[in-house]
Protein backbone atom coordinates (compact mmCIF):
# COMPACT_ATOMS: atom_id res chain seq x y z
CA MET A 1 15.82 -5.28 56.93
CA LYS A 2 15.81 -6.40 53.28
CA SER A 3 12.01 -6.71 53.39
CA ALA A 4 11.58 -3.18 54.70
CA LEU A 5 13.97 -1.83 52.05
CA LYS A 6 12.07 -3.60 49.32
CA LYS A 7 8.74 -2.29 50.59
CA ASP A 8 10.20 1.24 50.72
CA PHE A 9 11.52 0.77 47.18
CA PHE A 10 8.21 -0.18 45.64
CA ARG A 11 6.42 2.48 47.78
CA GLU A 12 8.62 5.16 46.23
CA ILE A 13 8.03 3.83 42.76
CA ARG A 14 4.20 3.90 43.30
CA ARG A 15 4.44 7.42 44.79
CA ASN A 16 6.54 8.75 41.89
CA SER A 17 5.32 6.49 39.10
CA GLY A 18 5.50 9.25 36.42
CA ARG A 19 9.11 10.11 37.28
CA PHE A 20 10.09 6.47 37.32
CA ILE A 21 8.53 5.72 33.96
CA SER A 22 10.30 8.75 32.49
CA ILE A 23 13.65 7.74 33.88
CA PHE A 24 13.06 4.18 32.68
CA PHE A 25 12.35 5.18 29.09
CA ILE A 26 15.27 7.68 29.07
CA VAL A 27 17.62 4.92 30.15
CA LEU A 28 15.99 2.54 27.66
CA LEU A 29 16.33 4.94 24.73
CA GLY A 30 19.89 5.86 25.66
CA ALA A 31 20.85 2.14 25.82
CA ALA A 32 19.13 1.40 22.57
CA PHE A 33 20.73 4.35 20.80
CA TYR A 34 24.19 3.42 22.14
CA ALA A 35 23.67 -0.24 21.00
CA GLY A 36 22.44 0.89 17.61
CA ILE A 37 25.41 3.17 17.08
CA ARG A 38 27.85 0.42 18.08
CA SER A 39 26.21 -2.11 15.81
CA ALA A 40 25.55 0.26 12.89
CA ASN A 41 29.29 0.92 12.61
CA TYR A 42 30.14 -2.69 11.97
CA ASP A 43 26.99 -3.20 9.82
CA MET A 44 27.88 -0.30 7.58
CA LYS A 45 31.47 -1.52 7.18
CA TYR A 46 30.21 -5.10 6.54
CA SER A 47 27.80 -3.81 3.90
CA ALA A 48 30.47 -1.70 2.27
CA ASP A 49 32.87 -4.67 2.22
CA ARG A 50 30.26 -6.85 0.45
CA TYR A 51 29.62 -4.10 -2.07
CA TYR A 52 33.36 -3.66 -2.75
CA ASP A 53 33.69 -7.38 -3.34
CA ASP A 54 30.66 -7.57 -5.65
CA ALA A 55 31.93 -4.61 -7.66
CA ALA A 56 35.53 -5.88 -7.78
CA LEU A 57 36.84 -2.62 -6.39
CA MET A 58 40.55 -2.03 -7.09
CA ASN A 59 42.90 -2.06 -4.17
CA PHE A 60 45.21 0.57 -5.61
CA ARG A 61 44.95 3.17 -8.38
CA VAL A 62 48.23 4.09 -10.12
CA ALA A 63 48.27 7.23 -12.11
CA GLY A 64 50.97 8.53 -14.46
CA THR A 65 51.38 12.17 -15.50
CA LEU A 66 52.99 11.08 -18.80
CA GLY A 67 50.69 8.07 -19.18
CA LEU A 68 51.26 4.34 -18.49
CA THR A 69 52.45 1.94 -21.18
CA ASP A 70 51.96 -1.75 -21.46
CA ASP A 71 55.50 -2.21 -20.06
CA ASP A 72 54.46 -0.33 -16.97
CA LEU A 73 51.42 -2.60 -16.50
CA GLU A 74 53.57 -5.70 -17.04
CA ASP A 75 56.04 -4.53 -14.29
CA MET A 76 53.15 -4.13 -11.89
CA ARG A 77 51.90 -7.64 -12.78
CA GLN A 78 55.28 -9.07 -11.81
CA VAL A 79 54.95 -7.65 -8.28
CA LYS A 80 54.54 -10.38 -5.76
CA GLY A 81 50.94 -10.48 -4.50
CA VAL A 82 49.34 -8.75 -7.42
CA GLU A 83 46.43 -10.62 -8.86
CA ARG A 84 45.31 -8.38 -11.71
CA VAL A 85 46.35 -5.12 -13.28
CA THR A 86 43.94 -3.30 -15.69
CA GLY A 87 44.76 -0.22 -17.68
CA GLY A 88 42.17 2.55 -17.77
CA TYR A 89 41.51 5.77 -19.55
CA THR A 90 40.15 9.02 -18.04
CA GLN A 91 39.76 12.58 -19.27
CA GLU A 92 38.50 15.64 -17.44
CA VAL A 93 36.17 17.80 -19.61
CA LEU A 94 34.10 20.97 -19.11
CA CYS A 95 30.39 20.65 -19.81
CA ASP A 96 28.58 23.88 -20.50
CA SER A 97 24.85 23.57 -19.69
CA GLY A 98 23.29 26.93 -19.99
CA ASP A 99 24.50 29.27 -17.27
CA VAL A 100 26.33 26.43 -15.37
CA GLU A 101 29.67 25.06 -16.29
CA SER A 102 30.41 21.65 -14.74
CA VAL A 103 33.55 19.60 -14.54
CA LEU A 104 33.02 15.97 -15.64
CA LYS A 105 35.44 13.10 -15.60
CA MET A 106 35.08 10.73 -18.39
CA ILE A 107 36.07 7.17 -17.40
CA ALA A 108 36.46 4.13 -19.65
CA LEU A 109 34.34 1.13 -18.58
CA THR A 110 36.15 -1.99 -17.34
CA ASP A 111 34.73 -5.43 -17.02
CA GLU A 112 37.02 -7.06 -14.47
CA VAL A 113 37.47 -4.27 -12.01
CA ASN A 114 35.40 -1.31 -10.68
CA ARG A 115 32.16 -2.58 -12.14
CA VAL A 116 29.39 0.02 -12.43
CA THR A 117 26.12 -0.55 -10.56
CA LEU A 118 23.25 0.55 -12.71
CA GLU A 119 20.44 2.50 -11.03
CA GLU A 120 18.46 2.75 -14.27
CA GLY A 121 18.94 2.20 -17.95
CA ARG A 122 21.61 0.02 -19.53
CA LEU A 123 25.36 -0.10 -20.25
CA PRO A 124 26.71 1.60 -23.35
CA GLU A 125 26.74 -0.49 -26.56
CA ALA A 126 28.42 2.13 -28.81
CA ALA A 127 31.35 4.57 -28.47
CA ASP A 128 28.96 7.60 -28.49
CA GLU A 129 26.87 6.32 -25.59
CA CYS A 130 27.45 6.78 -21.88
CA VAL A 131 26.29 6.03 -18.40
CA VAL A 132 26.24 9.10 -16.15
CA ASP A 133 26.77 9.58 -12.37
CA VAL A 134 23.57 9.38 -10.31
CA LEU A 135 24.50 12.91 -9.26
CA ALA A 136 24.59 14.26 -12.78
CA SER A 137 21.48 16.15 -13.99
CA LEU A 138 22.81 17.74 -17.13
CA ASN A 139 21.88 17.67 -20.82
CA TYR A 140 24.58 16.44 -23.17
CA ASP A 141 24.98 17.06 -26.91
CA THR A 142 27.79 14.76 -27.84
CA TYR A 143 26.90 11.52 -26.11
CA THR A 144 23.62 9.64 -25.73
CA ILE A 145 22.82 8.88 -22.11
CA VAL A 146 21.63 5.30 -21.77
CA GLY A 147 21.74 4.87 -17.98
CA LYS A 148 22.74 6.17 -14.59
CA GLY A 149 24.88 4.38 -12.08
CA THR A 150 27.51 4.37 -9.31
CA LEU A 151 31.12 3.38 -9.01
CA PRO A 152 32.52 1.59 -5.97
CA TYR A 153 35.29 4.14 -5.42
CA TYR A 154 32.88 7.09 -5.42
CA MET A 155 30.81 6.33 -2.33
CA GLU A 156 30.70 9.85 -0.92
CA LEU A 157 28.68 12.77 -2.29
CA THR A 158 31.87 14.64 -3.10
CA ARG A 159 34.00 13.55 -6.07
CA ASP A 160 37.66 13.97 -6.93
CA SER A 161 39.49 17.25 -7.28
CA SER A 162 40.02 18.53 -10.84
CA SER A 163 42.85 20.27 -12.67
CA ILE A 164 40.34 22.27 -14.75
CA GLY A 165 37.35 24.45 -14.01
CA ASP A 166 36.86 25.38 -10.34
CA GLY A 167 39.12 22.58 -9.15
CA THR A 168 36.29 20.30 -8.14
CA MET A 169 34.83 17.41 -10.14
CA ASP A 170 31.05 17.54 -10.23
CA ALA A 171 30.27 14.04 -11.68
CA PHE A 172 31.65 11.28 -13.85
CA VAL A 173 30.62 9.86 -17.18
CA LEU A 174 31.27 6.18 -18.17
CA VAL A 175 32.03 5.40 -21.81
CA GLU A 176 33.47 2.60 -23.87
CA PRO A 177 37.30 2.53 -24.16
CA GLU A 178 36.92 3.14 -27.96
CA ALA A 179 35.79 6.67 -27.11
CA PHE A 180 39.30 7.61 -26.13
CA ALA A 181 41.93 8.50 -28.80
CA LEU A 182 44.94 7.82 -26.57
CA ASP A 183 48.09 5.85 -27.19
CA VAL A 184 48.71 5.15 -23.45
CA TYR A 185 46.71 4.52 -20.36
CA THR A 186 46.10 7.37 -17.96
CA GLU A 187 45.89 5.13 -14.90
CA ALA A 188 45.98 1.50 -13.82
CA TYR A 189 43.79 -0.51 -11.33
CA VAL A 190 45.68 -3.00 -9.22
CA GLN A 191 43.92 -5.85 -7.44
CA VAL A 192 45.81 -7.66 -4.79
CA ASP A 193 45.66 -11.50 -4.37
CA GLY A 194 43.77 -12.36 -1.25
CA ALA A 195 42.44 -8.81 -0.58
CA ALA A 196 38.85 -9.68 -1.45
CA ALA A 197 38.74 -12.43 1.14
CA ALA A 198 39.93 -10.04 3.86
CA PHE A 199 37.57 -7.68 5.61
CA SER A 200 38.18 -4.14 4.08
CA TYR A 201 38.53 -2.40 7.43
CA SER A 202 40.68 -4.95 9.31
CA ASP A 203 44.38 -5.24 10.06
CA GLU A 204 44.31 -8.46 7.90
CA TYR A 205 43.49 -6.35 4.87
CA ASP A 206 46.32 -3.97 5.62
CA ASP A 207 48.73 -6.91 6.10
CA VAL A 208 47.77 -8.20 2.61
CA THR A 209 47.89 -4.89 0.70
CA GLU A 210 50.71 -2.88 2.34
CA PRO A 211 53.55 -5.12 1.07
CA VAL A 212 52.16 -4.77 -2.46
CA LYS A 213 51.85 -1.02 -2.05
CA GLN A 214 55.45 -0.76 -0.97
CA GLN A 215 56.67 -2.79 -3.96
CA LEU A 216 54.63 -0.67 -6.34
CA GLU A 217 56.23 2.42 -4.84
CA ASP A 218 59.66 0.85 -5.20
CA ILE A 219 59.29 0.38 -9.01
CA ALA A 220 57.65 3.83 -9.56
CA ASP A 221 60.91 5.73 -9.98
CA GLU A 222 62.28 3.42 -12.62
CA ALA A 223 58.97 3.34 -14.49
CA CYS A 224 58.65 7.13 -14.39
CA GLN A 225 62.22 7.59 -15.72
CA ARG A 226 61.57 5.04 -18.50
CA ARG A 227 58.45 6.82 -19.55
CA TYR A 228 60.15 10.22 -19.40
CA ASP A 229 62.98 8.92 -21.61
CA GLN A 230 60.48 7.41 -24.05
CA VAL A 231 58.49 10.71 -24.30
CA ARG A 232 61.68 12.70 -24.65
CA SER A 233 62.98 10.32 -27.35
CA GLU A 234 59.68 10.62 -29.22
CA ALA A 235 59.83 14.41 -28.92
CA GLU A 236 63.36 14.59 -30.06
CA ALA A 237 62.59 12.35 -33.06
CA GLU A 238 59.69 14.61 -34.00
CA LEU A 239 61.94 17.66 -33.55
CA GLU A 240 64.62 16.07 -35.75
CA ASP A 241 61.96 15.29 -38.42
CA ALA A 242 60.88 18.99 -38.22
CA ARG A 243 64.45 20.13 -38.62
CA LYS A 244 64.94 17.83 -41.58
CA GLN A 245 61.78 19.19 -43.15
CA VAL A 246 63.06 22.79 -42.55
CA GLU A 247 66.43 21.90 -44.04
CA ASP A 248 64.76 20.27 -47.05
CA GLY A 249 62.56 23.26 -47.43
CA GLU A 250 65.53 25.59 -47.32
CA THR A 251 67.33 23.46 -49.90
CA GLU A 252 64.25 23.50 -52.12
CA LEU A 253 64.04 27.28 -51.63
CA SER A 254 67.69 27.68 -52.53
CA ASP A 255 67.29 25.54 -55.61
CA ALA A 256 64.19 27.47 -56.63
CA LYS A 257 66.09 30.78 -56.13
CA GLN A 258 68.96 29.42 -58.26
CA GLU A 259 66.51 28.40 -60.96
CA ILE A 260 65.07 31.94 -60.85
CA ASP A 261 68.49 33.44 -61.10
CA ASP A 262 69.34 31.16 -64.02
CA GLY A 263 66.01 32.12 -65.63
CA TRP A 264 66.88 35.84 -65.25
CA THR A 265 70.31 35.17 -66.80
CA GLU A 266 68.78 33.30 -69.74
CA LEU A 267 66.21 36.07 -70.16
CA SER A 268 68.99 38.70 -70.12
CA ASP A 269 70.93 36.67 -72.70
CA ALA A 270 67.87 36.30 -74.84
CA GLU A 271 67.24 40.04 -74.68
CA ASP A 272 70.79 40.70 -75.75
CA LEU A 273 70.46 38.21 -78.61
CA LEU A 274 67.20 39.81 -79.64
CA ASN A 275 68.78 43.23 -79.52
CA GLU A 276 71.66 41.96 -81.66
CA LYS A 277 69.34 40.38 -84.21
CA GLU A 278 67.18 43.52 -84.37
CA GLN A 279 70.37 45.54 -85.00
CA GLU A 280 71.44 43.10 -87.80
CA LEU A 281 67.96 43.37 -89.29
CA GLU A 282 68.09 47.12 -89.11
CA ASP A 283 71.58 47.18 -90.74
CA GLY A 284 70.41 44.81 -93.42
CA SER A 285 67.41 46.88 -94.19
CA ARG A 286 69.57 49.98 -94.48
CA GLU A 287 71.98 48.20 -96.81
CA LEU A 288 69.01 47.01 -98.90
CA ALA A 289 67.62 50.51 -99.18
CA ASP A 290 71.08 51.96 -100.10
CA GLY A 291 71.50 49.27 -102.85
C-alpha cells in the first residue's frame, strides 16, 4: 500500500513538474521571507543597542522651562541608580535660506554623553564652527560648517517638534558650549548605572531605568518650585533696582527743579537790585545836573 502511494506521489510530480516547482519555490520564498523578518527584527534591535552604547546615549532627557541650575543637576546626581548627569544647552533658531525658512535646533556638544557620529568633516574647534545634521542642506552665514554627523537620539528621518516656525524641527546644528550665552542649562542628560549593560529593548532595561525615572519625577516638583522662586526673586530684585533708579531720578529731578526755582528767584532779585541801582544812578545824575 505504501509502495503504491509512493509511486503515485512521484508519478503526479513528474506529470505536473511545473506546478510542483512553482509551489516549491513559493513555499521556499515565503519561509525565507518569514525567517528574514523574524531575524531582522532582533538584528536591527541588536545593532541599535550597540550603536547606543558606543555613542553613550542618555537614558533620560530632563528639560526645564525656566532652565536647570547646578543645584538641579546635583539633586539628580543624588538619585539612587544615576551614574552621570550632564548639563546641556539648546536653542531653536530660524534659518532663512532664500525662499525657504527652516527651523534648526542648536545643540551644545558633549563629550561623555550623546556623542556625535561624523559622516564627513571634523568636530568644531572654535565657537563659530558647527557640525550639521546629515539632513541639512542649507547655506549658513554665521557659522562655518566643518562636518556632518548624526546623534543617537535622532535615528528617524523626522526630528523634534518646535515652538517656532511651522512647529516642526528640520535639522540640528552642533556647536561648542561657548557659543551659548546662557546662565543656566536648558536640559540635562541622565545616564543610569547598569543601563548600558542591559539590552535596550528588554524587560531588564526597563527594570533598571524605571526606578530612576520615578525618582526623577518625584524630585521634579521641588526643583521646579525652587527654580521658580529663584527666577521670581531675581526679577523682584531687578524690579526693586528699577524702582530705586526711578526714585533717584525723581529726587534728582526735584532737586534740579528746586535749583531752577532758586535760580529764577536769584535772577529776579538781581533784576530788582539792578533796577534799584539804575534808579539811584539816574537820581544821582539828575542831582549832578541840577547842581
